[in-house]
C-alpha atoms as a PDB file:
ATOM      1  CA  MET A   1      -7.413   2.533  19.239  1.00  0.00           C
ATOM      2  CA  THR A   2     -10.858   4.374  18.696  1.00  0.00           C
ATOM      3  CA  THR A   3     -13.017   3.459  16.127  1.00  0.00           C
ATOM      4  CA  ILE A   4     -15.302   5.488  13.961  1.00  0.00           C
ATOM      5  CA  LYS A   5     -18.342   4.340  12.468  1.00  0.00           C
ATOM      6  CA  THR A   6     -19.227   5.454   8.850  1.00  0.00           C
ATOM      7  CA  ALA A   7     -21.542   4.695   6.217  1.00  0.00           C
ATOM      8  CA  ILE A   8     -20.873   4.506   2.407  1.00  0.00           C
ATOM      9  CA  SER A   9     -22.353   3.983  -0.556  1.00  0.00           C
ATOM     10  CA  ILE A  10     -21.681   1.340  -3.179  1.00  0.00           C
ATOM     11  CA  ASN A  11     -23.187  -0.864  -6.141  1.00  0.00           C
ATOM     12  CA  GLU A  12     -25.056  -4.034  -5.525  1.00  0.00           C
ATOM     13  CA  PRO A  13     -22.796  -6.135  -7.325  1.00  0.00           C
ATOM     14  CA  LEU A  14     -19.614  -4.836  -5.247  1.00  0.00           C
ATOM     15  CA  PHE A  15     -21.358  -5.305  -2.099  1.00  0.00           C
ATOM     16  CA  LEU A  16     -22.344  -8.871  -3.057  1.00  0.00           C
ATOM     17  CA  ALA A  17     -18.870  -9.613  -3.899  1.00  0.00           C
ATOM     18  CA  VAL A  18     -17.710  -8.240  -0.267  1.00  0.00           C
ATOM     19  CA  GLU A  19     -20.163 -10.002   1.304  1.00  0.00           C
ATOM     20  CA  LYS A  20     -19.390 -13.151   0.212  1.00  0.00           C
ATOM     21  CA  LEU A  21     -15.436 -12.759   0.432  1.00  0.00           C
ATOM     22  CA  ALA A  22     -15.948 -11.986   4.007  1.00  0.00           C
ATOM     23  CA  GLN A  23     -18.246 -15.042   4.721  1.00  0.00           C
ATOM     24  CA  GLU A  24     -15.397 -16.837   2.753  1.00  0.00           C
ATOM     25  CA  LEU A  25     -12.750 -15.262   5.103  1.00  0.00           C
ATOM     26  CA  ASN A  26     -14.953 -15.726   7.907  1.00  0.00           C
ATOM     27  CA  ILE A  27     -14.501 -11.821   9.471  1.00  0.00           C
ATOM     28  CA  SER A  28     -16.641  -9.056   9.226  1.00  0.00           C
ATOM     29  CA  ARG A  29     -17.569  -6.718   6.358  1.00  0.00           C
ATOM     30  CA  SER A  30     -16.071  -4.036   8.232  1.00  0.00           C
ATOM     31  CA  SER A  31     -12.904  -5.661   8.416  1.00  0.00           C
ATOM     32  CA  LEU A  32     -12.543  -6.570   5.111  1.00  0.00           C
ATOM     33  CA  PHE A  33     -13.428  -2.740   4.006  1.00  0.00           C
ATOM     34  CA  VAL A  34     -10.734  -1.702   6.639  1.00  0.00           C
ATOM     35  CA  MET A  35      -8.301  -4.260   5.130  1.00  0.00           C
ATOM     36  CA  ALA A  36      -8.610  -3.094   1.951  1.00  0.00           C
ATOM     37  CA  VAL A  37      -8.402   0.532   2.874  1.00  0.00           C
ATOM     38  CA  GLU A  38      -5.034  -0.081   4.664  1.00  0.00           C
ATOM     39  CA  ARG A  39      -3.460  -1.982   1.470  1.00  0.00           C
ATOM     40  CA  PHE A  40      -4.752   0.927  -0.935  1.00  0.00           C
ATOM     41  CA  LEU A  41      -3.470   3.689   1.465  1.00  0.00           C
ATOM     42  CA  GLN A  42       0.140   1.691   1.381  1.00  0.00           C
ATOM     43  CA  GLN A  43       0.127   1.184  -2.273  1.00  0.00           C
ATOM     44  CA  HIS A  44      -0.431   4.851  -2.620  1.00  0.00           C
ATOM     45  CA  GLN A  45       2.506   5.886  -0.130  1.00  0.00           C
ATOM     46  CA  ASN A  46       4.587   3.000  -2.067  1.00  0.00           C
ATOM     47  CA  GLN A  47       3.868   5.464  -5.114  1.00  0.00           C
ATOM     48  CA  LYS A  48       4.376   8.623  -4.037  1.00  0.00           C
ATOM     49  CA  LEU A  49       8.026   7.054  -2.685  1.00  0.00           C
ATOM     50  CA  LEU A  50       8.681   5.705  -6.014  1.00  0.00           C
ATOM     51  CA  ALA A  51       8.073   8.895  -7.693  1.00  0.00           C
ATOM     52  CA  LYS A  52      10.245  10.832  -5.329  1.00  0.00           C
ATOM     53  CA  LEU A  53      12.941   8.124  -5.901  1.00  0.00           C
ATOM     54  CA  ASN A  54      12.501   8.415  -9.821  1.00  0.00           C
ATOM     55  CA  GLU A  55      12.682  12.218  -9.530  1.00  0.00           C
ATOM     56  CA  VAL A  56      16.066  11.692  -7.481  1.00  0.00           C
ATOM     57  CA  TYR A  57      17.629   8.768  -9.890  1.00  0.00           C
ATOM     58  CA  ALA A  58      16.842  11.638 -12.848  1.00  0.00           C
ATOM     59  CA  ARG A  59      18.880  14.394 -12.128  1.00  0.00           C
ATOM     60  CA  PRO A  60      22.121  14.792 -13.293  1.00  0.00           C
ATOM     61  CA  ASP A  61      23.577  16.153 -10.549  1.00  0.00           C
ATOM     62  CA  LYS A  62      24.348  13.171  -8.718  1.00  0.00           C
ATOM     63  CA  ASP A  63      27.491  11.167  -9.022  1.00  0.00           C
ATOM     64  CA  GLU A  64      28.068   7.513  -9.287  1.00  0.00           C
ATOM     65  CA  ALA A  65      28.785   7.032  -5.475  1.00  0.00           C
ATOM     66  CA  THR A  66      25.592   8.609  -4.632  1.00  0.00           C
ATOM     67  CA  ARG A  67      23.429   7.174  -6.956  1.00  0.00           C
ATOM     68  CA  GLN A  68      24.915   3.577  -5.740  1.00  0.00           C
ATOM     69  CA  VAL A  69      24.105   4.340  -2.249  1.00  0.00           C
ATOM     70  CA  ILE A  70      20.744   5.579  -3.358  1.00  0.00           C
ATOM     71  CA  SER A  71      20.169   2.489  -5.152  1.00  0.00           C
ATOM     72  CA  GLN A  72      20.848   0.254  -1.970  1.00  0.00           C
ATOM     73  CA  TYR A  73      18.892   2.337   0.150  1.00  0.00           C
ATOM     74  CA  HIS A  74      15.979   1.737  -1.947  1.00  0.00           C
ATOM     75  CA  GLN A  75      16.672  -2.214  -2.256  1.00  0.00           C
ATOM     76  CA  LYS A  76      16.436  -2.293   1.357  1.00  0.00           C
ATOM     77  CA  LEU A  77      13.181  -0.237   1.685  1.00  0.00           C
ATOM     78  CA  VAL A  78      11.475  -2.460  -1.089  1.00  0.00           C
ATOM     79  CA  GLN A  79      12.670  -5.501   0.533  1.00  0.00           C
ATOM     80  CA  GLY A  80      11.194  -4.492   3.991  1.00  0.00           C
ATOM     81  CA  ALA A  81       7.846  -3.401   2.580  1.00  0.00           C
ATOM     82  CA  TRP A  82       7.968  -6.751   0.519  1.00  0.00           C
ATOM     83  CA  GLN A  83       8.402  -8.288   4.005  1.00  0.00           C
ATOM     84  CA  ASP A  84       6.010  -6.938   5.901  1.00  0.00           C
ATOM     85  CA  GLU A  85       3.254  -7.596   3.278  1.00  0.00           C
ATOM     86  CA  THR A  86       4.380 -11.593   3.536  1.00  0.00           C
ATOM     87  CA  ARG A  87       3.954 -11.530   7.151  1.00  0.00           C
END
């Protein structure tokens, strides 16, 4: 995968906290930022998915059998996402 170098501006207390955590974890600051952004993006995707699911569940035109299938599928998605985070 191609990496792109970028510069960001952050306040000093945040920079110092990042520096300290990177040292504790024995990783580079860049790696820590990448991990943080990846996690943020995943959480954002999860929030979008949840909003869509809530929209579907709120529709009155779905019968109980359809809701049950959607619910089971949703549980599998959530369990898979949770298992991925614990690996």
